[in-house]
Amino acid sequence: MKYFFSLLFVFAGFNLFAQNPVDGNWKGTRETPNGTFEINYTFKVTSDTVLTGTWKTQFGETKLENGKINGKKFSYSISFNDMTIASTGELINENEIVIKNERGEMKLSRVKQ
C-alpha cells in the first residue's frame, strides 16, 4: 500500500507540473499592404482555462487580453491604436499553431530555445 501511494504521489506531481503544449514562444509573418512583418507571440496557460501572454512586432509589444483555452483551441484579443482584434487559435501539432482573425489566417512555428 505504501508503494501505491508513492506512485500516486509521483504521477500527481508530474501532472501538476506538466507544461501545456501551447506554452512558449511562437513566430509567424503577416503580409500587409506595407510589406511583410514578423509577429512573435509568447503564450502561457495559467490555469485550465486561462491564456496569457504577449504579442510583439517591429512596432511594439502588447499583452494578450481575454485569453481563454479549451484543450488545443484558444482565443484572445489584442488592443492597439484604438482598435481591438479578436483572434482564435488551434494547436495543430507540437510545433505549429494556426491563428485566425478578421485579417486572415496565420501559421505560427514554435521558437526552439
PDB file of N, CA and C in Angstrom:
ATOM      1  N   MET A   1       0.824  -1.186   0.000  1.00  0.00           N
ATOM      2  CA  MET A   1       0.000   0.000   0.000  1.00  0.00           C
ATOM      3  C   MET A   1       0.873   1.256   0.000  1.00  0.00           C
ATOM      4  N   LYS A   2       1.991   1.180   0.722  1.00  0.00           N
ATOM      5  CA  LYS A   2       2.906   2.313   0.768  1.00  0.00           C
ATOM      6  C   LYS A   2       3.428   2.636  -0.635  1.00  0.00           C
ATOM      7  N   TYR A   3       3.710   1.603  -1.449  1.00  0.00           N
ATOM      8  CA  TYR A   3       4.201   1.809  -2.809  1.00  0.00           C
ATOM      9  C   TYR A   3       3.130   2.426  -3.705  1.00  0.00           C
ATOM     10  N   PHE A   4       1.893   2.028  -3.478  1.00  0.00           N
ATOM     11  CA  PHE A   4       0.785   2.581  -4.257  1.00  0.00           C
ATOM     12  C   PHE A   4       0.690   4.089  -4.037  1.00  0.00           C
ATOM     13  N   PHE A   5       0.735   4.532  -2.800  1.00  0.00           N
ATOM     14  CA  PHE A   5       0.650   5.958  -2.505  1.00  0.00           C
ATOM     15  C   PHE A   5       1.883   6.710  -3.020  1.00  0.00           C
ATOM     16  N   SER A   6       3.031   6.074  -2.978  1.00  0.00           N
ATOM     17  CA  SER A   6       4.243   6.699  -3.526  1.00  0.00           C
ATOM     18  C   SER A   6       4.109   6.917  -5.021  1.00  0.00           C
ATOM     19  N   LEU A   7       3.634   5.896  -5.733  1.00  0.00           N
ATOM     20  CA  LEU A   7       3.423   6.034  -7.174  1.00  0.00           C
ATOM     21  C   LEU A   7       2.354   7.079  -7.491  1.00  0.00           C
ATOM     22  N   LEU A   8       1.294   7.073  -6.735  1.00  0.00           N
ATOM     23  CA  LEU A   8       0.228   8.049  -6.922  1.00  0.00           C
ATOM     24  C   LEU A   8       0.771   9.465  -6.738  1.00  0.00           C
ATOM     25  N   PHE A   9       1.592   9.675  -5.736  1.00  0.00           N
ATOM     26  CA  PHE A   9       2.187  10.983  -5.476  1.00  0.00           C
ATOM     27  C   PHE A   9       3.104  11.412  -6.634  1.00  0.00           C
ATOM     28  N   VAL A  10       3.890  10.493  -7.154  1.00  0.00           N
ATOM     29  CA  VAL A  10       4.801  10.804  -8.260  1.00  0.00           C
ATOM     30  C   VAL A  10       4.009  11.196  -9.502  1.00  0.00           C
ATOM     31  N   PHE A  11       2.996  10.421  -9.873  1.00  0.00           N
ATOM     32  CA  PHE A  11       2.198  10.739 -11.064  1.00  0.00           C
ATOM     33  C   PHE A  11       1.417  12.027 -10.892  1.00  0.00           C
ATOM     34  N   ALA A  12       0.915  12.288  -9.703  1.00  0.00           N
ATOM     35  CA  ALA A  12       0.205  13.548  -9.451  1.00  0.00           C
ATOM     36  C   ALA A  12       1.171  14.722  -9.586  1.00  0.00           C
ATOM     37  N   GLY A  13       2.403  14.560  -9.139  1.00  0.00           N
ATOM     38  CA  GLY A  13       3.409  15.606  -9.270  1.00  0.00           C
ATOM     39  C   GLY A  13       3.737  15.899 -10.723  1.00  0.00           C
ATOM     40  N   PHE A  14       3.866  14.865 -11.549  1.00  0.00           N
ATOM     41  CA  PHE A  14       4.113  15.077 -12.980  1.00  0.00           C
ATOM     42  C   PHE A  14       2.969  15.847 -13.625  1.00  0.00           C
ATOM     43  N   ASN A  15       1.761  15.476 -13.272  1.00  0.00           N
ATOM     44  CA  ASN A  15       0.598  16.133 -13.842  1.00  0.00           C
ATOM     45  C   ASN A  15       0.505  17.586 -13.381  1.00  0.00           C
ATOM     46  N   LEU A  16       0.819  17.856 -12.147  1.00  0.00           N
ATOM     47  CA  LEU A  16       0.739  19.199 -11.588  1.00  0.00           C
ATOM     48  C   LEU A  16       1.719  20.144 -12.267  1.00  0.00           C
ATOM     49  N   PHE A  17       2.923  19.650 -12.578  1.00  0.00           N
ATOM     50  CA  PHE A  17       3.956  20.500 -13.156  1.00  0.00           C
ATOM     51  C   PHE A  17       4.080  20.340 -14.670  1.00  0.00           C
ATOM     52  N   ALA A  18       3.155  19.630 -15.298  1.00  0.00           N
ATOM     53  CA  ALA A  18       3.209  19.441 -16.749  1.00  0.00           C
ATOM     54  C   ALA A  18       2.934  20.768 -17.446  1.00  0.00           C
ATOM     55  N   GLN A  19       3.720  21.047 -18.452  1.00  0.00           N
ATOM     56  CA  GLN A  19       3.571  22.276 -19.217  1.00  0.00           C
ATOM     57  C   GLN A  19       2.527  22.054 -20.303  1.00  0.00           C
ATOM     58  N   ASN A  20       1.690  23.048 -20.524  1.00  0.00           N
ATOM     59  CA  ASN A  20       0.716  22.979 -21.597  1.00  0.00           C
ATOM     60  C   ASN A  20       1.454  23.088 -22.928  1.00  0.00           C
ATOM     61  N   PRO A  21       1.071  22.327 -23.954  1.00  0.00           N
ATOM     62  CA  PRO A  21       1.783  22.367 -25.228  1.00  0.00           C
ATOM     63  C   PRO A  21       1.714  23.716 -25.953  1.00  0.00           C
ATOM     64  N   VAL A  22       0.771  24.588 -25.574  1.00  0.00           N
ATOM     65  CA  VAL A  22       0.683  25.913 -26.187  1.00  0.00           C
ATOM     66  C   VAL A  22       1.724  26.857 -25.587  1.00  0.00           C
ATOM     67  N   ASP A  23       2.147  26.595 -24.344  1.00  0.00           N
ATOM     68  CA  ASP A  23       3.127  27.454 -23.678  1.00  0.00           C
ATOM     69  C   ASP A  23       4.390  27.615 -24.511  1.00  0.00           C
ATOM     70  N   GLY A  24       4.934  28.827 -24.507  1.00  0.00           N
ATOM     71  CA  GLY A  24       6.215  29.039 -25.152  1.00  0.00           C
ATOM     72  C   GLY A  24       6.198  30.194 -26.130  1.00  0.00           C
ATOM     73  N   ASN A  25       7.282  30.279 -26.892  1.00  0.00           N
ATOM     74  CA  ASN A  25       7.471  31.344 -27.873  1.00  0.00           C
ATOM     75  C   ASN A  25       7.159  30.816 -29.269  1.00  0.00           C
ATOM     76  N   TRP A  26       6.430  31.634 -30.032  1.00  0.00           N
ATOM     77  CA  TRP A  26       5.974  31.271 -31.364  1.00  0.00           C
ATOM     78  C   TRP A  26       6.231  32.431 -32.318  1.00  0.00           C
ATOM     79  N   LYS A  27       6.482  32.114 -33.598  1.00  0.00           N
ATOM     80  CA  LYS A  27       6.791  33.153 -34.579  1.00  0.00           C
ATOM     81  C   LYS A  27       6.009  32.909 -35.870  1.00  0.00           C
ATOM     82  N   GLY A  28       5.535  34.013 -36.477  1.00  0.00           N
ATOM     83  CA  GLY A  28       4.856  33.939 -37.762  1.00  0.00           C
ATOM     84  C   GLY A  28       5.100  35.218 -38.538  1.00  0.00           C
ATOM     85  N   THR A  29       4.585  35.288 -39.758  1.00  0.00           N
ATOM     86  CA  THR A  29       4.694  36.501 -40.561  1.00  0.00           C
ATOM     87  C   THR A  29       3.312  36.874 -41.085  1.00  0.00           C
ATOM     88  N   ARG A  30       3.136  38.159 -41.314  1.00  0.00           N
ATOM     89  CA  ARG A  30       1.864  38.682 -41.826  1.00  0.00           C
ATOM     90  C   ARG A  30       2.156  39.556 -43.038  1.00  0.00           C
ATOM     91  N   GLU A  31       1.412  39.301 -44.112  1.00  0.00           N
ATOM     92  CA  GLU A  31       1.509  40.120 -45.318  1.00  0.00           C
ATOM     93  C   GLU A  31       0.567  41.313 -45.162  1.00  0.00           C
ATOM     94  N   THR A  32       1.068  42.510 -45.427  1.00  0.00           N
ATOM     95  CA  THR A  32       0.255  43.719 -45.355  1.00  0.00           C
ATOM     96  C   THR A  32       0.522  44.564 -46.600  1.00  0.00           C
ATOM     97  N   PRO A  33      -0.293  45.583 -46.842  1.00  0.00           N
ATOM     98  CA  PRO A  33      -0.019  46.483 -47.964  1.00  0.00           C
ATOM     99  C   PRO A  33       1.347  47.174 -47.845  1.00  0.00           C
ATOM    100  N   ASN A  34       1.865  47.262 -46.621  1.00  0.00           N
ATOM    101  CA  ASN A  34       3.164  47.893 -46.394  1.00  0.00           C
ATOM    102  C   ASN A  34       4.311  46.886 -46.357  1.00  0.00           C
ATOM    103  N   GLY A  35       4.035  45.646 -46.733  1.00  0.00           N
ATOM    104  CA  GLY A  35       5.073  44.626 -46.749  1.00  0.00           C
ATOM    105  C   GLY A  35       4.839  43.537 -45.721  1.00  0.00           C
ATOM    106  N   THR A  36       5.785  42.651 -45.630  1.00  0.00           N
ATOM    107  CA  THR A  36       5.722  41.523 -44.694  1.00  0.00           C
ATOM    108  C   THR A  36       6.383  41.916 -43.385  1.00  0.00           C
ATOM    109  N   PHE A  37       5.726  41.572 -42.264  1.00  0.00           N
ATOM    110  CA  PHE A  37       6.408  41.782 -40.993  1.00  0.00           C
ATOM    111  C   PHE A  37       6.235  40.576 -40.091  1.00  0.00           C
ATOM    112  N   GLU A  38       7.199  40.406 -39.216  1.00  0.00           N
ATOM    113  CA  GLU A  38       7.260  39.273 -38.300  1.00  0.00           C
ATOM    114  C   GLU A  38       6.451  39.566 -37.045  1.00  0.00           C
ATOM    115  N   ILE A  39       5.748  38.540 -36.565  1.00  0.00           N
ATOM    116  CA  ILE A  39       4.989  38.638 -35.324  1.00  0.00           C
ATOM    117  C   ILE A  39       5.486  37.547 -34.388  1.00  0.00           C
ATOM    118  N   ASN A  40       5.778  37.922 -33.155  1.00  0.00           N
ATOM    119  CA  ASN A  40       6.230  36.976 -32.139  1.00  0.00           C
ATOM    120  C   ASN A  40       5.215  36.934 -31.011  1.00  0.00           C
ATOM    121  N   TYR A  41       4.851  35.736 -30.621  1.00  0.00           N
ATOM    122  CA  TYR A  41       3.921  35.522 -29.513  1.00  0.00           C
ATOM    123  C   TYR A  41       4.635  34.786 -28.399  1.00  0.00           C
ATOM    124  N   THR A  42       4.260  35.104 -27.177  1.00  0.00           N
ATOM    125  CA  THR A  42       4.616  34.293 -26.023  1.00  0.00           C
ATOM    126  C   THR A  42       3.311  33.907 -25.363  1.00  0.00           C
ATOM    127  N   PHE A  43       3.027  32.615 -25.307  1.00  0.00           N
ATOM    128  CA  PHE A  43       1.800  32.117 -24.692  1.00  0.00           C
ATOM    129  C   PHE A  43       2.128  31.438 -23.374  1.00  0.00           C
ATOM    130  N   LYS A  44       1.246  31.630 -22.400  1.00  0.00           N
ATOM    131  CA  LYS A  44       1.373  30.945 -21.108  1.00  0.00           C
ATOM    132  C   LYS A  44      -0.019  30.592 -20.613  1.00  0.00           C
ATOM    133  N   VAL A  45      -0.251  29.313 -20.402  1.00  0.00           N
ATOM    134  CA  VAL A  45      -1.514  28.848 -19.840  1.00  0.00           C
ATOM    135  C   VAL A  45      -1.350  28.861 -18.325  1.00  0.00           C
ATOM    136  N   THR A  46      -2.163  29.691 -17.649  1.00  0.00           N
ATOM    137  CA  THR A  46      -2.001  29.868 -16.204  1.00  0.00           C
ATOM    138  C   THR A  46      -2.976  29.048 -15.378  1.00  0.00           C
ATOM    139  N   SER A  47      -4.005  28.494 -16.003  1.00  0.00           N
ATOM    140  CA  SER A  47      -4.926  27.569 -15.338  1.00  0.00           C
ATOM    141  C   SER A  47      -5.564  26.718 -16.423  1.00  0.00           C
ATOM    142  N   ASP A  48      -6.540  25.912 -16.065  1.00  0.00           N
ATOM    143  CA  ASP A  48      -7.172  25.040 -17.057  1.00  0.00           C
ATOM    144  C   ASP A  48      -7.839  25.814 -18.192  1.00  0.00           C
ATOM    145  N   THR A  49      -8.230  27.063 -17.937  1.00  0.00           N
ATOM    146  CA  THR A  49      -8.992  27.808 -18.947  1.00  0.00           C
ATOM    147  C   THR A  49      -8.435  29.187 -19.277  1.00  0.00           C
ATOM    148  N   VAL A  50      -7.338  29.623 -18.637  1.00  0.00           N
ATOM    149  CA  VAL A  50      -6.836  30.988 -18.823  1.00  0.00           C
ATOM    150  C   VAL A  50      -5.529  30.997 -19.609  1.00  0.00           C
ATOM    151  N   LEU A  51      -5.515  31.820 -20.677  1.00  0.00           N
ATOM    152  CA  LEU A  51      -4.326  32.005 -21.510  1.00  0.00           C
ATOM    153  C   LEU A  51      -3.845  33.439 -21.348  1.00  0.00           C
ATOM    154  N   THR A  52      -2.562  33.616 -21.069  1.00  0.00           N
ATOM    155  CA  THR A  52      -1.955  34.944 -21.002  1.00  0.00           C
ATOM    156  C   THR A  52      -0.789  34.978 -21.987  1.00  0.00           C
ATOM    157  N   GLY A  53      -0.192  36.147 -22.129  1.00  0.00           N
ATOM    158  CA  GLY A  53       0.972  36.230 -22.995  1.00  0.00           C
ATOM    159  C   GLY A  53       1.149  37.599 -23.605  1.00  0.00           C
ATOM    160  N   THR A  54       2.032  37.659 -24.604  1.00  0.00           N
ATOM    161  CA  THR A  54       2.322  38.921 -25.283  1.00  0.00           C
ATOM    162  C   THR A  54       2.360  38.697 -26.791  1.00  0.00           C
ATOM    163  N   TRP A  55       2.188  39.801 -27.489  1.00  0.00           N
ATOM    164  CA  TRP A  55       2.235  39.876 -28.951  1.00  0.00           C
ATOM    165  C   TRP A  55       3.244  40.958 -29.271  1.00  0.00           C
ATOM    166  N   LYS A  56       4.242  40.650 -30.098  1.00  0.00           N
ATOM    167  CA  LYS A  56       5.311  41.609 -30.355  1.00  0.00           C
ATOM    168  C   LYS A  56       5.598  41.690 -31.854  1.00  0.00           C
ATOM    169  N   THR A  57       5.672  42.942 -32.363  1.00  0.00           N
ATOM    170  CA  THR A  57       6.052  43.191 -33.753  1.00  0.00           C
ATOM    171  C   THR A  57       7.141  44.259 -33.747  1.00  0.00           C
ATOM    172  N   GLN A  58       7.571  44.657 -34.929  1.00  0.00           N
ATOM    173  CA  GLN A  58       8.564  45.726 -35.031  1.00  0.00           C
ATOM    174  C   GLN A  58       8.009  47.051 -34.535  1.00  0.00           C
ATOM    175  N   PHE A  59       6.681  47.135 -34.392  1.00  0.00           N
ATOM    176  CA  PHE A  59       6.042  48.373 -33.955  1.00  0.00           C
ATOM    177  C   PHE A  59       5.810  48.443 -32.451  1.00  0.00           C
ATOM    178  N   GLY A  60       6.038  47.347 -31.741  1.00  0.00           N
ATOM    179  CA  GLY A  60       5.859  47.352 -30.302  1.00  0.00           C
ATOM    180  C   GLY A  60       5.332  46.035 -29.776  1.00  0.00           C
ATOM    181  N   GLU A  61       5.023  46.041 -28.499  1.00  0.00           N
ATOM    182  CA  GLU A  61       4.579  44.841 -27.792  1.00  0.00           C
ATOM    183  C   GLU A  61       3.345  45.166 -26.975  1.00  0.00           C
ATOM    184  N   THR A  62       2.417  44.219 -26.896  1.00  0.00           N
ATOM    185  CA  THR A  62       1.226  44.391 -26.078  1.00  0.00           C
ATOM    186  C   THR A  62       0.830  43.058 -25.463  1.00  0.00           C
ATOM    187  N   LYS A  63       0.097  43.125 -24.367  1.00  0.00           N
ATOM    188  CA  LYS A  63      -0.357  41.915 -23.691  1.00  0.00           C
ATOM    189  C   LYS A  63      -1.618  41.382 -24.345  1.00  0.00           C
ATOM    190  N   LEU A  64      -1.760  40.063 -24.318  1.00  0.00           N
ATOM    191  CA  LEU A  64      -2.988  39.433 -24.775  1.00  0.00           C
ATOM    192  C   LEU A  64      -4.073  39.714 -23.746  1.00  0.00           C
ATOM    193  N   GLU A  65      -5.285  39.936 -24.219  1.00  0.00           N
ATOM    194  CA  GLU A  65      -6.421  40.205 -23.339  1.00  0.00           C
ATOM    195  C   GLU A  65      -7.474  39.118 -23.520  1.00  0.00           C
ATOM    196  N   ASN A  66      -8.250  38.888 -22.492  1.00  0.00           N
ATOM    197  CA  ASN A  66      -9.387  37.954 -22.541  1.00  0.00           C
ATOM    198  C   ASN A  66      -8.998  36.570 -23.048  1.00  0.00           C
ATOM    199  N   GLY A  67      -7.807  36.115 -22.691  1.00  0.00           N
ATOM    200  CA  GLY A  67      -7.324  34.820 -23.163  1.00  0.00           C
ATOM    201  C   GLY A  67      -8.035  33.654 -22.502  1.00  0.00           C
ATOM    202  N   LYS A  68      -8.485  32.727 -23.340  1.00  0.00           N
ATOM    203  CA  LYS A  68      -9.154  31.510 -22.862  1.00  0.00           C
ATOM    204  C   LYS A  68      -8.615  30.333 -23.652  1.00  0.00           C
ATOM    205  N   ILE A  69      -8.570  29.179 -23.007  1.00  0.00           N
ATOM    206  CA  ILE A  69      -8.107  27.970 -23.680  1.00  0.00           C
ATOM    207  C   ILE A  69      -9.001  26.807 -23.300  1.00  0.00           C
ATOM    208  N   ASN A  70      -9.231  25.933 -24.280  1.00  0.00           N
ATOM    209  CA  ASN A  70     -10.023  24.734 -24.060  1.00  0.00           C
ATOM    210  C   ASN A  70      -9.377  23.623 -24.896  1.00  0.00           C
ATOM    211  N   GLY A  71      -8.550  22.832 -24.269  1.00  0.00           N
ATOM    212  CA  GLY A  71      -7.828  21.787 -24.987  1.00  0.00           C
ATOM    213  C   GLY A  71      -6.796  22.390 -25.917  1.00  0.00           C
ATOM    214  N   LYS A  72      -6.920  22.115 -27.217  1.00  0.00           N
ATOM    215  CA  LYS A  72      -5.981  22.640 -28.205  1.00  0.00           C
ATOM    216  C   LYS A  72      -6.463  23.941 -28.835  1.00  0.00           C
ATOM    217  N   LYS A  73      -7.664  24.377 -28.497  1.00  0.00           N
ATOM    218  CA  LYS A  73      -8.234  25.598 -29.077  1.00  0.00           C
ATOM    219  C   LYS A  73      -8.192  26.728 -28.057  1.00  0.00           C
ATOM    220  N   PHE A  74      -7.955  27.940 -28.545  1.00  0.00           N
ATOM    221  CA  PHE A  74      -7.876  29.078 -27.647  1.00  0.00           C
ATOM    222  C   PHE A  74      -8.342  30.345 -28.348  1.00  0.00           C
ATOM    223  N   SER A  75      -8.558  31.392 -27.554  1.00  0.00           N
ATOM    224  CA  SER A  75      -8.957  32.692 -28.094  1.00  0.00           C
ATOM    225  C   SER A  75      -8.345  33.788 -27.230  1.00  0.00           C
ATOM    226  N   TYR A  76      -8.229  34.980 -27.813  1.00  0.00           N
ATOM    227  CA  TYR A  76      -7.683  36.134 -27.113  1.00  0.00           C
ATOM    228  C   TYR A  76      -7.991  37.362 -27.949  1.00  0.00           C
ATOM    229  N   SER A  77      -7.726  38.523 -27.403  1.00  0.00           N
ATOM    230  CA  SER A  77      -7.827  39.756 -28.184  1.00  0.00           C
ATOM    231  C   SER A  77      -6.588  40.603 -27.928  1.00  0.00           C
ATOM    232  N   ILE A  78      -6.321  41.498 -28.883  1.00  0.00           N
ATOM    233  CA  ILE A  78      -5.182  42.410 -28.804  1.00  0.00           C
ATOM    234  C   ILE A  78      -5.706  43.808 -29.090  1.00  0.00           C
ATOM    235  N   SER A  79      -5.318  44.759 -28.247  1.00  0.00           N
ATOM    236  CA  SER A  79      -5.725  46.150 -28.451  1.00  0.00           C
ATOM    237  C   SER A  79      -4.513  47.011 -28.755  1.00  0.00           C
ATOM    238  N   PHE A  80      -4.627  47.807 -29.832  1.00  0.00           N
ATOM    239  CA  PHE A  80      -3.576  48.761 -30.191  1.00  0.00           C
ATOM    240  C   PHE A  80      -4.182  49.809 -31.120  1.00  0.00           C
ATOM    241  N   ASN A  81      -3.634  51.008 -31.095  1.00  0.00           N
ATOM    242  CA  ASN A  81      -4.103  52.104 -31.954  1.00  0.00           C
ATOM    243  C   ASN A  81      -5.624  52.273 -31.903  1.00  0.00           C
ATOM    244  N   ASP A  82      -6.203  52.247 -30.710  1.00  0.00           N
ATOM    245  CA  ASP A  82      -7.656  52.399 -30.522  1.00  0.00           C
ATOM    246  C   ASP A  82      -8.459  51.341 -31.277  1.00  0.00           C
ATOM    247  N   MET A  83      -7.898  50.176 -31.436  1.00  0.00           N
ATOM    248  CA  MET A  83      -8.540  49.093 -32.168  1.00  0.00           C
ATOM    249  C   MET A  83      -8.349  47.799 -31.369  1.00  0.00           C
ATOM    250  N   THR A  84      -9.341  46.913 -31.419  1.00  0.00           N
ATOM    251  CA  THR A  84      -9.230  45.602 -30.776  1.00  0.00           C
ATOM    252  C   THR A  84      -9.486  44.529 -31.826  1.00  0.00           C
ATOM    253  N   ILE A  85      -8.593  43.551 -31.879  1.00  0.00           N
ATOM    254  CA  ILE A  85      -8.735  42.434 -32.814  1.00  0.00           C
ATOM    255  C   ILE A  85      -8.887  41.153 -32.000  1.00  0.00           C
ATOM    256  N   ALA A  86     -10.014  40.462 -32.213  1.00  0.00           N
ATOM    257  CA  ALA A  86     -10.254  39.171 -31.567  1.00  0.00           C
ATOM    258  C   ALA A  86      -9.708  38.072 -32.462  1.00  0.00           C
ATOM    259  N   SER A  87      -9.028  37.119 -31.860  1.00  0.00           N
ATOM    260  CA  SER A  87      -8.428  36.018 -32.615  1.00  0.00           C
ATOM    261  C   SER A  87      -8.758  34.690 -31.969  1.00  0.00           C
ATOM    262  N   THR A  88      -8.766  33.643 -32.787  1.00  0.00           N
ATOM    263  CA  THR A  88      -8.862  32.276 -32.295  1.00  0.00           C
ATOM    264  C   THR A  88      -7.632  31.527 -32.776  1.00  0.00           C
ATOM    265  N   GLY A  89      -7.288  30.481 -32.079  1.00  0.00           N
ATOM    266  CA  GLY A  89      -6.129  29.699 -32.464  1.00  0.00           C
ATOM    267  C   GLY A  89      -6.331  28.237 -32.154  1.00  0.00           C
ATOM    268  N   GLU A  90      -5.524  27.423 -32.811  1.00  0.00           N
ATOM    269  CA  GLU A  90      -5.566  25.993 -32.556  1.00  0.00           C
ATOM    270  C   GLU A  90      -4.163  25.415 -32.693  1.00  0.00           C
ATOM    271  N   LEU A  91      -3.790  24.606 -31.723  1.00  0.00           N
ATOM    272  CA  LEU A  91      -2.526  23.884 -31.775  1.00  0.00           C
ATOM    273  C   LEU A  91      -2.693  22.730 -32.759  1.00  0.00           C
ATOM    274  N   ILE A  92      -1.959  22.758 -33.862  1.00  0.00           N
ATOM    275  CA  ILE A  92      -2.046  21.719 -34.886  1.00  0.00           C
ATOM    276  C   ILE A  92      -1.157  20.533 -34.519  1.00  0.00           C
ATOM    277  N   ASN A  93       0.054  20.825 -34.101  1.00  0.00           N
ATOM    278  CA  ASN A  93       0.974  19.811 -33.583  1.00  0.00           C
ATOM    279  C   ASN A  93       1.929  20.534 -32.629  1.00  0.00           C
ATOM    280  N   GLU A  94       2.891  19.841 -32.082  1.00  0.00           N
ATOM    281  CA  GLU A  94       3.740  20.452 -31.054  1.00  0.00           C
ATOM    282  C   GLU A  94       4.564  21.636 -31.552  1.00  0.00           C
ATOM    283  N   ASN A  95       4.654  21.813 -32.881  1.00  0.00           N
ATOM    284  CA  ASN A  95       5.456  22.904 -33.436  1.00  0.00           C
ATOM    285  C   ASN A  95       4.683  23.854 -34.341  1.00  0.00           C
ATOM    286  N   GLU A  96       3.346  23.733 -34.379  1.00  0.00           N
ATOM    287  CA  GLU A  96       2.566  24.579 -35.275  1.00  0.00           C
ATOM    288  C   GLU A  96       1.226  24.978 -34.663  1.00  0.00           C
ATOM    289  N   ILE A  97       0.926  26.269 -34.783  1.00  0.00           N
ATOM    290  CA  ILE A  97      -0.354  26.841 -34.355  1.00  0.00           C
ATOM    291  C   ILE A  97      -0.919  27.610 -35.541  1.00  0.00           C
ATOM    292  N   VAL A  98      -2.243  27.571 -35.702  1.00  0.00           N
ATOM    293  CA  VAL A  98      -2.919  28.386 -36.710  1.00  0.00           C
ATOM    294  C   VAL A  98      -3.771  29.420 -35.977  1.00  0.00           C
ATOM    295  N   ILE A  99      -3.569  30.699 -36.319  1.00  0.00           N
ATOM    296  CA  ILE A  99      -4.304  31.825 -35.748  1.00  0.00           C
ATOM    297  C   ILE A  99      -5.247  32.366 -36.822  1.00  0.00           C
ATOM    298  N   LYS A 100      -6.502  32.651 -36.441  1.00  0.00           N
ATOM    299  CA  LYS A 100      -7.475  33.226 -37.373  1.00  0.00           C
ATOM    300  C   LYS A 100      -8.107  34.462 -36.744  1.00  0.00           C
ATOM    301  N   ASN A 101      -8.263  35.502 -37.574  1.00  0.00           N
ATOM    302  CA  ASN A 101      -8.979  36.704 -37.154  1.00  0.00           C
ATOM    303  C   ASN A 101      -9.497  37.425 -38.394  1.00  0.00           C
ATOM    304  N   GLU A 102     -10.047  38.613 -38.207  1.00  0.00           N
ATOM    305  CA  GLU A 102     -10.634  39.358 -39.323  1.00  0.00           C
ATOM    306  C   GLU A 102      -9.632  39.697 -40.421  1.00  0.00           C
ATOM    307  N   ARG A 103      -8.355  39.610 -40.110  1.00  0.00           N
ATOM    308  CA  ARG A 103      -7.310  39.916 -41.100  1.00  0.00           C
ATOM    309  C   ARG A 103      -6.810  38.681 -41.833  1.00  0.00           C
ATOM    310  N   GLY A 104      -7.379  37.543 -41.519  1.00  0.00           N
ATOM    311  CA  GLY A 104      -6.993  36.321 -42.219  1.00  0.00           C
ATOM    312  C   GLY A 104      -6.443  35.254 -41.282  1.00  0.00           C
ATOM    313  N   GLU A 105      -5.692  34.354 -41.878  1.00  0.00           N
ATOM    314  CA  GLU A 105      -5.119  33.218 -41.166  1.00  0.00           C
ATOM    315  C   GLU A 105      -3.601  33.307 -41.188  1.00  0.00           C
ATOM    316  N   MET A 106      -2.985  32.877 -40.087  1.00  0.00           N
ATOM    317  CA  MET A 106      -1.530  32.904 -39.997  1.00  0.00           C
ATOM    318  C   MET A 106      -1.041  31.652 -39.278  1.00  0.00           C
ATOM    319  N   LYS A 107       0.012  31.057 -39.817  1.00  0.00           N
ATOM    320  CA  LYS A 107       0.630  29.899 -39.164  1.00  0.00           C
ATOM    321  C   LYS A 107       1.798  30.386 -38.316  1.00  0.00           C
ATOM    322  N   LEU A 108       1.873  29.827 -37.110  1.00  0.00           N
ATOM    323  CA  LEU A 108       2.978  30.128 -36.206  1.00  0.00           C
ATOM    324  C   LEU A 108       3.825  28.890 -36.038  1.00  0.00           C
ATOM    325  N   SER A 109       5.124  29.065 -35.914  1.00  0.00           N
ATOM    326  CA  SER A 109       6.052  27.970 -35.636  1.00  0.00           C
ATOM    327  C   SER A 109       6.680  28.197 -34.269  1.00  0.00           C
ATOM    328  N   ARG A 110       6.865  27.096 -33.551  1.00  0.00           N
ATOM    329  CA  ARG A 110       7.494  27.173 -32.226  1.00  0.00           C
ATOM    330  C   ARG A 110       8.933  27.642 -32.385  1.00  0.00           C
ATOM    331  N   VAL A 111       9.352  28.540 -31.505  1.00  0.00           N
ATOM    332  CA  VAL A 111      10.729  29.013 -31.466  1.00  0.00           C
ATOM    333  C   VAL A 111      11.476  28.117 -30.490  1.00  0.00           C
ATOM    334  N   LYS A 112      12.433  27.378 -30.992  1.00  0.00           N
ATOM    335  CA  LYS A 112      13.226  26.488 -30.136  1.00  0.00           C
ATOM    336  C   LYS A 112      14.184  27.298 -29.295  1.00  0.00           C
ATOM    337  N   GLN A 113      14.318  26.927 -28.034  1.00  0.00           N
ATOM    338  CA  GLN A 113      15.208  27.694 -27.148  1.00  0.00           C
ATOM    339  C   GLN A 113      16.438  26.922 -26.796  1.00  0.00           C
TER     340      GLN A 113
END
